[in-house]
Protein backbone atom coordinates (compact mmCIF):
# COMPACT_ATOMS: atom_id res chain seq x y z
CA UNK A 1 5.11 51.32 9.68
CA UNK A 2 4.54 50.07 6.33
CA UNK A 3 2.16 47.00 6.07
CA UNK A 4 1.50 46.59 2.47
CA UNK A 5 3.44 46.95 -1.11
CA UNK A 6 1.96 47.10 -4.42
CA UNK A 7 4.99 45.78 -6.43
CA UNK A 8 5.10 45.96 -10.28
CA UNK A 9 3.84 43.19 -12.34
CA UNK A 10 7.26 41.57 -13.36
CA UNK A 11 5.74 38.14 -14.74
CA UNK A 12 7.42 36.89 -17.83
CA UNK A 13 10.44 39.23 -17.48
CA UNK A 14 13.98 37.44 -16.95
CA UNK A 15 15.84 38.15 -13.85
CA UNK A 16 17.81 41.42 -14.35
CA UNK A 17 15.64 42.63 -17.16
CA UNK A 18 12.39 44.47 -15.79
CA UNK A 19 11.00 47.00 -18.10
CA UNK A 20 12.20 50.40 -17.22
CA UNK A 21 8.45 51.79 -16.61
CA UNK A 22 8.22 49.12 -14.38
CA UNK A 23 10.84 50.16 -12.42
CA UNK A 24 10.09 53.68 -12.20
CA UNK A 25 6.43 52.53 -10.96
CA UNK A 26 8.39 50.31 -8.32
CA UNK A 27 10.37 53.32 -6.96
CA UNK A 28 7.41 55.81 -6.79
CA UNK A 29 5.32 53.09 -5.09
CA UNK A 30 7.94 53.05 -2.24
CA UNK A 31 8.13 56.67 -2.23
CA UNK A 32 4.28 57.02 -1.90
CA UNK A 33 4.45 54.65 1.16
CA UNK A 34 6.99 56.77 2.91
CA UNK A 35 10.04 54.18 2.15
CA UNK A 36 13.18 56.17 2.98
CA UNK A 37 15.56 53.21 2.59
CA UNK A 38 15.83 49.72 0.76
CA UNK A 39 18.04 46.84 1.81
CA UNK A 40 19.33 45.11 -1.29
CA UNK A 41 19.59 41.58 0.20
CA UNK A 42 21.45 38.63 -1.28
CA UNK A 43 20.89 35.05 0.27
CA UNK A 44 24.48 33.54 0.59
CA UNK A 45 25.50 29.94 0.68
CA UNK A 46 24.65 29.38 4.00
CA UNK A 47 21.12 30.98 3.72
CA UNK A 48 22.33 34.10 5.51
CA UNK A 49 21.26 37.52 4.27
CA UNK A 50 24.11 39.57 2.84
CA UNK A 51 22.91 43.30 2.37
CA UNK A 52 23.41 47.02 1.62
CA UNK A 53 21.35 49.80 2.60
CA UNK A 54 20.14 52.03 -0.34
CA UNK A 55 18.67 55.42 0.20
CA UNK A 56 15.54 55.87 -1.52
CA UNK A 57 16.82 58.32 -4.29
CA UNK A 58 19.47 56.00 -5.30
CA UNK A 59 17.39 52.77 -5.73
CA UNK A 60 16.37 53.47 -9.17
CA UNK A 61 19.74 53.50 -10.54
CA UNK A 62 20.68 50.34 -8.61
CA UNK A 63 17.77 48.43 -9.70
CA UNK A 64 18.37 49.41 -13.45
CA UNK A 65 22.41 48.69 -13.42
CA UNK A 66 22.55 46.43 -10.39
CA UNK A 67 24.24 47.06 -7.06
CA UNK A 68 28.22 46.11 -6.74
CA UNK A 69 28.87 43.13 -4.42
CA UNK A 70 32.30 41.36 -3.53
CA UNK A 71 32.27 38.70 -6.32
CA UNK A 72 33.46 35.89 -3.87
CA UNK A 73 30.50 36.52 -1.31
CA UNK A 74 29.03 33.03 -2.15
CA UNK A 75 32.41 31.53 -1.49
CA UNK A 76 32.81 32.79 1.99
CA UNK A 77 32.69 29.94 4.61
CA UNK A 78 30.66 30.35 7.89
CA UNK A 79 33.32 32.59 9.52
CA UNK A 80 33.53 34.76 6.19
CA UNK A 81 36.94 33.46 5.37
CA UNK A 82 37.98 33.54 1.81
CA UNK A 83 38.08 29.78 0.53
CA UNK A 84 40.90 29.02 -2.05
CA UNK A 85 39.80 27.16 -4.96
CA UNK A 86 35.98 27.69 -4.83
CA UNK A 87 35.92 29.43 -8.20
CA UNK A 88 34.72 32.87 -7.15
CA UNK A 89 38.03 34.33 -5.72
CA UNK A 90 41.37 34.32 -7.14
CA UNK A 91 39.84 32.57 -10.25
CA UNK A 92 37.88 35.97 -10.94
CA UNK A 93 40.89 38.35 -9.87
CA UNK A 94 38.86 39.00 -6.52
CA UNK A 95 36.45 41.21 -8.77
CA UNK A 96 32.78 42.33 -8.02
CA UNK A 97 29.62 41.14 -9.28
CA UNK A 98 26.20 42.98 -9.28
CA UNK A 99 23.09 41.92 -7.48
CA UNK A 100 19.83 42.44 -9.49
CA UNK A 101 16.47 43.09 -7.21
CA UNK A 102 13.80 40.66 -7.92
CA UNK A 103 11.13 43.46 -7.59
CA UNK A 104 8.12 41.02 -6.74
CA UNK A 105 10.09 40.12 -3.37
CA UNK A 106 9.81 43.60 -1.77
CA UNK A 107 8.74 43.51 1.73
CA UNK A 108 8.35 45.81 4.76
CA UNK A 109 11.17 45.73 7.47
CA UNK A 110 8.76 47.02 10.34
CA UNK A 111 11.04 46.97 12.95
CA UNK A 112 13.11 49.60 11.12
CA UNK A 113 12.07 53.14 10.47
CA UNK A 114 10.70 53.77 6.71
CA UNK A 115 12.59 50.71 5.49
CA UNK A 116 11.77 48.06 3.08
CA UNK A 117 13.82 45.05 1.85
CA UNK A 118 14.26 43.27 -1.59
CA UNK A 119 15.76 39.76 -2.41
CA UNK A 120 18.54 40.08 -5.24
CA UNK A 121 20.26 37.45 -7.54
CA UNK A 122 24.08 37.96 -8.38
CA UNK A 123 25.38 38.17 -12.03
CA UNK A 124 28.56 38.95 -13.38
CA UNK A 125 26.85 40.66 -16.36
CA UNK A 126 22.95 40.28 -17.59
CA UNK A 127 24.14 37.51 -19.97
CA UNK A 128 26.27 35.82 -17.14
CA UNK A 129 24.32 35.10 -13.96
CA UNK A 130 26.13 33.37 -10.98
CA UNK A 131 24.59 29.85 -11.62
CA UNK A 132 26.20 28.66 -8.19
CA UNK A 133 23.83 30.92 -6.07
CA UNK A 134 21.51 28.96 -4.09
CA UNK A 135 18.34 30.71 -5.32
CA UNK A 136 19.60 30.32 -8.71
CA UNK A 137 19.96 26.59 -8.17
CA UNK A 138 16.43 26.15 -6.76
CA UNK A 139 15.06 28.28 -9.70
CA UNK A 140 16.70 25.90 -12.37
CA UNK A 141 15.09 22.83 -10.61
CA UNK A 142 11.61 24.58 -10.58
CA UNK A 143 12.19 25.09 -14.19
CA UNK A 144 12.75 21.50 -14.62
CA UNK A 145 9.70 20.52 -12.90
CA UNK A 146 7.70 22.77 -14.73
CA UNK A 147 8.98 21.21 -18.15
CA UNK A 148 7.72 18.17 -16.27
CA UNK A 149 4.17 19.46 -16.01
CA UNK A 150 4.68 20.32 -12.23
CA UNK A 151 4.49 23.43 -10.02
CA UNK A 152 5.81 22.99 -6.73
CA UNK A 153 4.13 23.96 -3.31
CA UNK A 154 6.48 24.07 -0.42
CA UNK A 155 6.75 25.10 3.21
CA UNK A 156 9.72 25.52 5.80
CA UNK A 157 9.05 24.49 9.39
CA UNK A 158 11.68 25.77 11.69
CA UNK A 159 12.84 25.34 15.65
CA UNK A 160 15.06 27.69 17.12
CA UNK A 161 16.33 28.66 20.82
CA UNK A 162 15.56 32.00 21.98
CA UNK A 163 18.62 32.56 24.25
CA UNK A 164 19.68 35.58 26.71
CA UNK A 165 22.00 37.76 24.65
CA UNK A 166 24.86 37.83 26.88
CA UNK A 167 24.72 34.38 28.73
CA UNK A 168 23.52 32.26 25.60
CA UNK A 169 21.61 30.38 28.33
CA UNK A 170 17.84 29.45 28.02
CA UNK A 171 15.51 31.76 29.34
CA UNK A 172 13.46 28.96 31.59
CA UNK A 173 14.20 25.37 32.26
CA UNK A 174 12.08 22.16 32.38
CA UNK A 175 10.36 20.24 29.48
CA UNK A 176 7.16 22.03 28.66
CA UNK A 177 6.07 21.69 25.18
CA UNK A 178 3.06 23.71 24.18
CA UNK A 179 2.88 25.26 27.80
CA UNK A 180 0.80 28.30 27.89
CA UNK A 181 3.03 30.42 30.18
CA UNK A 182 6.37 29.27 28.10
CA UNK A 183 4.68 30.02 24.93
CA UNK A 184 4.54 33.94 25.31
CA UNK A 185 7.35 33.73 28.45
CA UNK A 186 8.43 37.54 27.65
CA UNK A 187 6.59 40.00 25.82
CA UNK A 188 9.27 40.57 23.12
CA UNK A 189 7.73 37.00 21.87
CA UNK A 190 4.20 38.99 21.26
CA UNK A 191 6.27 41.84 19.39
CA UNK A 192 7.98 39.20 17.31
CA UNK A 193 4.95 37.86 15.80
CA UNK A 194 3.91 41.28 15.02
CA UNK A 195 7.21 42.14 13.20
CA UNK A 196 7.02 38.97 11.41
CA UNK A 197 3.33 39.18 10.07
CA UNK A 198 4.02 43.04 9.17
CA UNK A 199 7.26 41.87 7.01
CA UNK A 200 5.08 39.47 5.06
CA UNK A 201 5.33 36.31 6.94
CA UNK A 202 2.05 34.54 7.24
CA UNK A 203 2.20 33.37 10.72
CA UNK A 204 -0.11 30.52 11.47
CA UNK A 205 1.04 29.06 14.90
CA UNK A 206 3.47 29.96 17.33
CA UNK A 207 4.55 27.85 20.70
CA UNK A 208 7.40 26.62 22.79
CA UNK A 209 8.77 23.48 21.78
CA UNK A 210 10.07 20.43 23.57
CA UNK A 211 13.29 21.90 24.93
CA UNK A 212 13.77 24.73 27.47
CA UNK A 213 13.54 28.30 25.59
CA UNK A 214 12.91 26.22 22.19
CA UNK A 215 10.21 27.62 20.09
CA UNK A 216 8.61 26.78 16.77
CA UNK A 217 6.88 29.65 14.75
CA UNK A 218 5.11 28.12 11.59
CA UNK A 219 3.87 30.04 8.68
CA UNK A 220 1.88 29.16 5.34
CA UNK A 221 3.49 27.57 2.33
CA UNK A 222 4.19 29.03 -0.96
CA UNK A 223 4.23 28.05 -4.62
CA UNK A 224 7.81 27.93 -6.43
CA UNK A 225 10.35 30.45 -5.20
CA UNK A 226 8.15 32.16 -3.04
CA UNK A 227 7.98 29.59 -0.62
CA UNK A 228 11.66 29.53 -0.06
CA UNK A 229 11.80 33.25 -0.25
CA UNK A 230 9.36 33.48 2.61
CA UNK A 231 11.43 30.98 4.76
CA UNK A 232 14.74 32.94 4.05
CA UNK A 233 12.92 36.28 5.21
CA UNK A 234 11.48 34.45 8.26
CA UNK A 235 14.73 32.96 9.76
CA UNK A 236 16.87 36.35 8.84
CA UNK A 237 13.93 38.21 10.32
CA UNK A 238 13.86 36.42 13.72
CA UNK A 239 17.72 36.55 14.06
CA UNK A 240 17.61 40.15 13.41
CA UNK A 241 14.45 41.13 15.64
CA UNK A 242 15.82 38.91 18.58
CA UNK A 243 19.40 40.76 18.40
CA UNK A 244 17.69 43.86 18.50
CA UNK A 245 15.73 43.01 21.41
CA UNK A 246 18.88 41.85 23.48
CA UNK A 247 18.44 38.03 22.68
CA UNK A 248 20.17 35.36 20.64
CA UNK A 249 17.67 33.33 18.28
CA UNK A 250 19.63 30.32 17.03
CA UNK A 251 18.64 27.74 14.41
CA UNK A 252 21.76 25.98 15.45
CA UNK A 253 20.93 21.82 14.94
CA UNK A 254 22.56 20.92 18.42
CA UNK A 255 23.43 23.84 20.59
CA UNK A 256 23.07 21.72 23.90
CA UNK A 257 24.40 18.17 24.08
CA UNK A 258 21.56 17.15 26.40
CA UNK A 259 18.65 19.10 24.93
CA UNK A 260 16.73 18.91 21.75
CA UNK A 261 18.14 19.71 18.49
CA UNK A 262 16.57 22.24 15.96
CA UNK A 263 15.14 20.88 12.74
CA UNK A 264 13.76 22.16 9.41
CA UNK A 265 10.80 19.86 8.52
CA UNK A 266 10.46 20.67 4.81
CA UNK A 267 6.88 20.15 3.38
CA UNK A 268 6.38 19.54 -0.36
CA UNK A 269 3.76 18.75 -2.97
CA UNK A 270 3.38 18.79 -6.54
CA UNK A 271 0.73 20.71 -8.32
CA UNK A 272 -0.53 20.01 -12.10
CA UNK A 273 0.31 23.13 -13.97
CA UNK A 274 -2.52 22.95 -16.30
CA UNK A 275 -5.21 22.50 -13.51
CA UNK A 276 -3.71 23.47 -10.22
CA UNK A 277 -4.77 20.14 -8.65
CA UNK A 278 -2.64 18.40 -6.15
CA UNK A 279 -1.09 15.39 -8.31
CA UNK A 280 -0.08 13.56 -4.96
CA UNK A 281 -3.48 12.23 -4.12
CA UNK A 282 -5.23 8.94 -5.86
CA UNK A 283 -8.42 7.89 -4.39
CA UNK A 284 -8.13 4.78 -5.77
CA UNK A 285 -4.83 3.98 -4.21
CA UNK A 286 -5.12 2.15 -0.80
CA UNK A 287 -3.08 4.55 0.88
CA UNK A 288 -4.40 7.47 -1.17
CA UNK A 289 -1.12 8.23 -3.16
CA UNK A 290 -0.61 8.37 -6.89
CA UNK A 291 2.14 6.71 -8.71
CA UNK A 292 3.46 9.59 -9.49
CA UNK A 293 3.78 10.93 -5.83
CA UNK A 294 4.91 7.35 -4.98
CA UNK A 295 7.91 7.67 -7.47
CA UNK A 296 8.68 10.97 -6.12
CA UNK A 297 9.04 9.70 -2.61
CA UNK A 298 11.39 7.01 -3.71
CA UNK A 299 13.57 9.61 -5.32
CA UNK A 300 14.27 11.25 -2.17
CA UNK A 301 14.95 7.83 -0.53
CA UNK A 302 17.35 6.72 -3.31
CA UNK A 303 19.14 10.00 -3.66
CA UNK A 304 19.14 10.66 0.17
CA UNK A 305 22.90 10.35 0.77
CA UNK A 306 23.51 12.92 -1.87
CA UNK A 307 21.11 15.34 -0.33
CA UNK A 308 22.77 15.80 3.12
CA UNK A 309 25.62 18.18 2.52
CA UNK A 310 22.64 20.63 1.66
CA UNK A 311 20.12 19.67 4.51
CA UNK A 312 22.91 19.03 6.83
CA UNK A 313 25.82 21.34 6.03
CA UNK A 314 27.74 21.70 9.17
CA UNK A 315 29.45 18.82 11.55
CA UNK A 316 27.05 19.86 14.18
CA UNK A 317 24.08 18.70 12.09
CA UNK A 318 24.91 14.96 12.50
CA UNK A 319 24.67 15.29 16.51
CA UNK A 320 21.06 15.86 15.96
CA UNK A 321 20.01 12.74 13.98
CA UNK A 322 19.76 9.88 16.62
CA UNK A 323 16.72 7.63 17.35
CA UNK A 324 14.36 8.18 19.89
CA UNK A 325 15.01 12.09 19.74
CA UNK A 326 11.92 13.13 17.48
CA UNK A 327 14.52 13.28 14.71
CA UNK A 328 14.99 10.60 12.02
CA UNK A 329 18.13 8.44 11.77
CA UNK A 330 17.67 6.30 8.85
CA UNK A 331 16.38 6.39 5.16
CA UNK A 332 12.66 5.58 5.71
CA UNK A 333 9.25 6.65 4.90
CA UNK A 334 5.92 6.01 6.40
CA UNK A 335 2.40 7.35 6.66
CA UNK A 336 2.36 9.79 9.82
CA UNK A 337 5.68 8.07 11.00
CA UNK A 338 7.14 10.88 12.99
CA UNK A 339 10.35 8.94 13.40
CA UNK A 340 10.84 8.48 9.42
CA UNK A 341 12.82 10.71 7.07
CA UNK A 342 9.75 11.00 4.79
CA UNK A 343 6.55 11.33 7.01
CA UNK A 344 3.83 11.28 4.13
CA UNK A 345 0.47 13.14 5.03
CA UNK A 346 -1.89 10.88 3.25
CA UNK A 347 -4.97 13.04 3.81
CA UNK A 348 -6.77 11.90 0.49
CA UNK A 349 -7.53 15.20 -0.38
CA UNK A 350 -5.71 18.28 -1.98
CA UNK A 351 -3.52 18.51 1.55
CA UNK A 352 -1.93 15.40 0.64
CA UNK A 353 1.75 16.02 0.67
CA UNK A 354 5.34 14.84 2.34
CA UNK A 355 7.15 16.28 5.04
CA UNK A 356 11.20 15.62 4.74
CA UNK A 357 12.22 15.69 8.18
CA UNK A 358 16.01 15.23 8.14
CA UNK A 359 17.18 18.79 7.34
CA UNK A 360 18.81 20.76 10.33
CA UNK A 361 17.03 24.11 11.51
CA UNK A 362 20.29 25.96 9.95
CA UNK A 363 20.15 24.61 6.45
CA UNK A 364 19.64 26.93 3.83
CA UNK A 365 16.23 27.10 2.82
CA UNK A 366 16.79 27.36 -0.89
CA UNK A 367 19.24 24.24 -0.84
CA UNK A 368 16.96 22.40 1.37
CA UNK A 369 14.20 22.95 -1.25
CA UNK A 370 16.54 22.17 -4.08
CA UNK A 371 18.12 18.90 -2.67
CA UNK A 372 14.55 17.40 -1.96
CA UNK A 373 13.05 18.41 -5.33
CA UNK A 374 16.25 17.20 -7.25
CA UNK A 375 15.77 13.76 -5.66
CA UNK A 376 12.06 13.50 -6.08
CA UNK A 377 12.15 14.41 -9.66
CA UNK A 378 14.94 11.91 -10.66
CA UNK A 379 12.19 9.59 -8.89
CA UNK A 380 9.54 10.40 -11.30
CA UNK A 381 11.94 10.61 -14.09
CA UNK A 382 12.85 6.85 -13.63
CA UNK A 383 9.42 5.80 -12.29
CA UNK A 384 11.17 4.24 -9.29
CA UNK A 385 8.50 1.72 -7.33
CA UNK A 386 8.25 2.77 -3.73
CA UNK A 387 9.58 0.50 -1.13
CA UNK A 388 7.24 -0.90 1.28
CA UNK A 389 7.01 0.84 4.49
CA UNK A 390 8.06 -0.90 7.77
CA UNK A 391 6.01 -2.00 10.69
CA UNK A 392 6.36 0.05 13.71
CA UNK A 393 8.44 3.19 14.23
CA UNK A 394 11.19 3.31 11.18
CA UNK A 395 14.02 4.37 13.64
CA UNK A 396 13.54 1.00 15.32
CA UNK A 397 14.35 -1.11 12.18
CA UNK A 398 17.93 -2.46 11.92
CA UNK A 399 17.54 -3.25 8.26
CA UNK A 400 17.09 0.19 7.07
CA UNK A 401 20.57 2.22 5.80
CA UNK A 402 21.59 4.68 8.47
CA UNK A 403 21.95 8.36 7.49
CA UNK A 404 25.96 9.64 6.98
CA UNK A 405 27.41 9.95 10.33
CA UNK A 406 29.60 12.79 9.45
CA UNK A 407 29.68 15.85 7.03
CA UNK A 408 32.69 14.02 5.09
CA UNK A 409 30.50 11.04 4.46
CA UNK A 410 27.72 13.14 3.47
CA UNK A 411 30.17 15.11 0.89
CA UNK A 412 31.35 11.55 -0.36
CA UNK A 413 27.54 10.62 -0.98
CA UNK A 414 27.12 13.50 -3.00
CA UNK A 415 30.18 13.09 -5.24
CA UNK A 416 29.07 9.39 -6.02
CA UNK A 417 25.76 10.49 -7.23
CA UNK A 418 26.15 11.58 -10.90
CA UNK A 419 22.61 12.29 -11.39
CA UNK A 420 22.40 14.51 -8.62
CA UNK A 421 25.67 16.20 -9.54
CA UNK A 422 24.12 16.88 -12.97
CA UNK A 423 20.75 18.06 -11.65
CA UNK A 424 22.28 20.64 -9.06
CA UNK A 425 25.04 21.62 -11.29
CA UNK A 426 28.78 20.59 -11.27
CA UNK A 427 29.87 24.25 -10.75
CA UNK A 428 27.40 24.47 -7.68
CA UNK A 429 28.73 21.19 -6.28
CA UNK A 430 32.14 22.39 -6.58
CA UNK A 431 31.51 25.41 -4.73
CA UNK A 432 29.77 23.65 -1.76
CA UNK A 433 32.19 21.08 -1.83
CA UNK A 434 35.13 23.34 -1.53
CA UNK A 435 33.66 25.43 0.95
CA UNK A 436 32.72 22.69 3.38
CA UNK A 437 35.79 20.87 3.35
CA UNK A 438 37.58 24.03 3.95
CA UNK A 439 35.13 24.42 7.02
CA UNK A 440 35.88 20.80 8.27
CA UNK A 441 39.47 21.34 7.95
CA UNK A 442 39.30 24.31 10.46
CA UNK A 443 36.87 22.02 12.61
CA UNK A 444 39.45 19.35 12.92
CA UNK A 445 42.44 21.42 13.77
CA UNK A 446 40.27 23.02 16.68
CA UNK A 447 41.30 21.68 20.21
CA UNK A 448 37.97 21.17 22.30
CA UNK A 449 37.30 21.89 26.02
CA UNK A 450 36.37 18.25 26.28
CA UNK A 451 39.97 17.24 25.06
CA UNK A 452 41.67 19.40 27.45
CA UNK A 453 39.60 18.36 30.34
CA UNK A 454 39.87 14.65 29.40
CA UNK A 455 43.46 14.47 28.60
CA UNK A 456 45.56 17.14 30.06
CA UNK A 457 46.05 16.02 33.84
CA UNK A 458 45.95 12.24 33.06
CA UNK A 459 48.48 12.47 30.65
């Protein structure tokens, strides 16, 4: 099993333009470490990995020229149906695009023999990248933050259910958060942790969560794109490893009506690019928060309605966001308020940051980061004044604006926010909106078992 790669230094080179000698070094390093296959992976609109497996003797050629992929892959819905009008299918004559590996993202795939993976970016040509790709959208916002003088530290915290592969039912019952036996209920959980660590995910804690057969595995943050890349690797690895072990791992927001939902708590702070210092902290402030950080928080609150199609991208996501369920339900902030949308970790030191708690466990990690960063940067640009927190748990305050109650309402909220549209990119928003409205049409056409049970006999 390969445990470490020494990737070539590609700093300062544009995507798809790595120097030839570095590509040669990249391939030779893989060969020296016994790698026989490399998986070229592209994050899709939903945060799912779309990939092709390449034998090591073909890797150099595809790294130089790109690997062909169906050009409409980013405009497939959650059932992989072709979504007309999304801009990438008939509009491009159903052509291919090329995916270009980011050599800094190569990691082992320790549950497979002699295999590594690398994250790729799509382009029509070297001068025509697919700017609608979620990873590109986040890159552009990180560049915007850099122009404003900031690097971005981020970390994603996910909950998921581990279920029987055939029945899709929990492994155990009861509510036993942190229960020692449930933490390592089956030996495959220990193997899962080993595999994650071997794939470059720096696991820091693992435990069972509130609901039966629900788990949380946390890993360290990262600066910039690497933070989101790690979250992408984590989610897809958990799904794949669980499948190979005979289980189903699901990050679905609300798989069971009477049990806890699955979240993504997104942690973010801003660093001064020139010093590396955390700019969120101010020792002279009563709460230890800098003026810049206060404006950043208010940006998230002000533009929250527009964030929801990215942090809650399916109709099921809105079943989770209810009061008194350890999930937020209104646009709010507070210091250590677990019921608020924005929970501020005001530690008065370099660890000061915020935790945006409204994202679903199934959200695309690149888009969760992009939505939060875009809203926060707008707050800094406009020097928003942070609204005061409320007394008591935020979820109990009837005066606070509620979240959108449906994905339809969330899409309307995004369409109405011209500043968020501009920062995220109109082509990306068109793609996202077209695909999500297509999914919603299929959702509303579906006849549920509840409807049959409720109405068939009585009427």
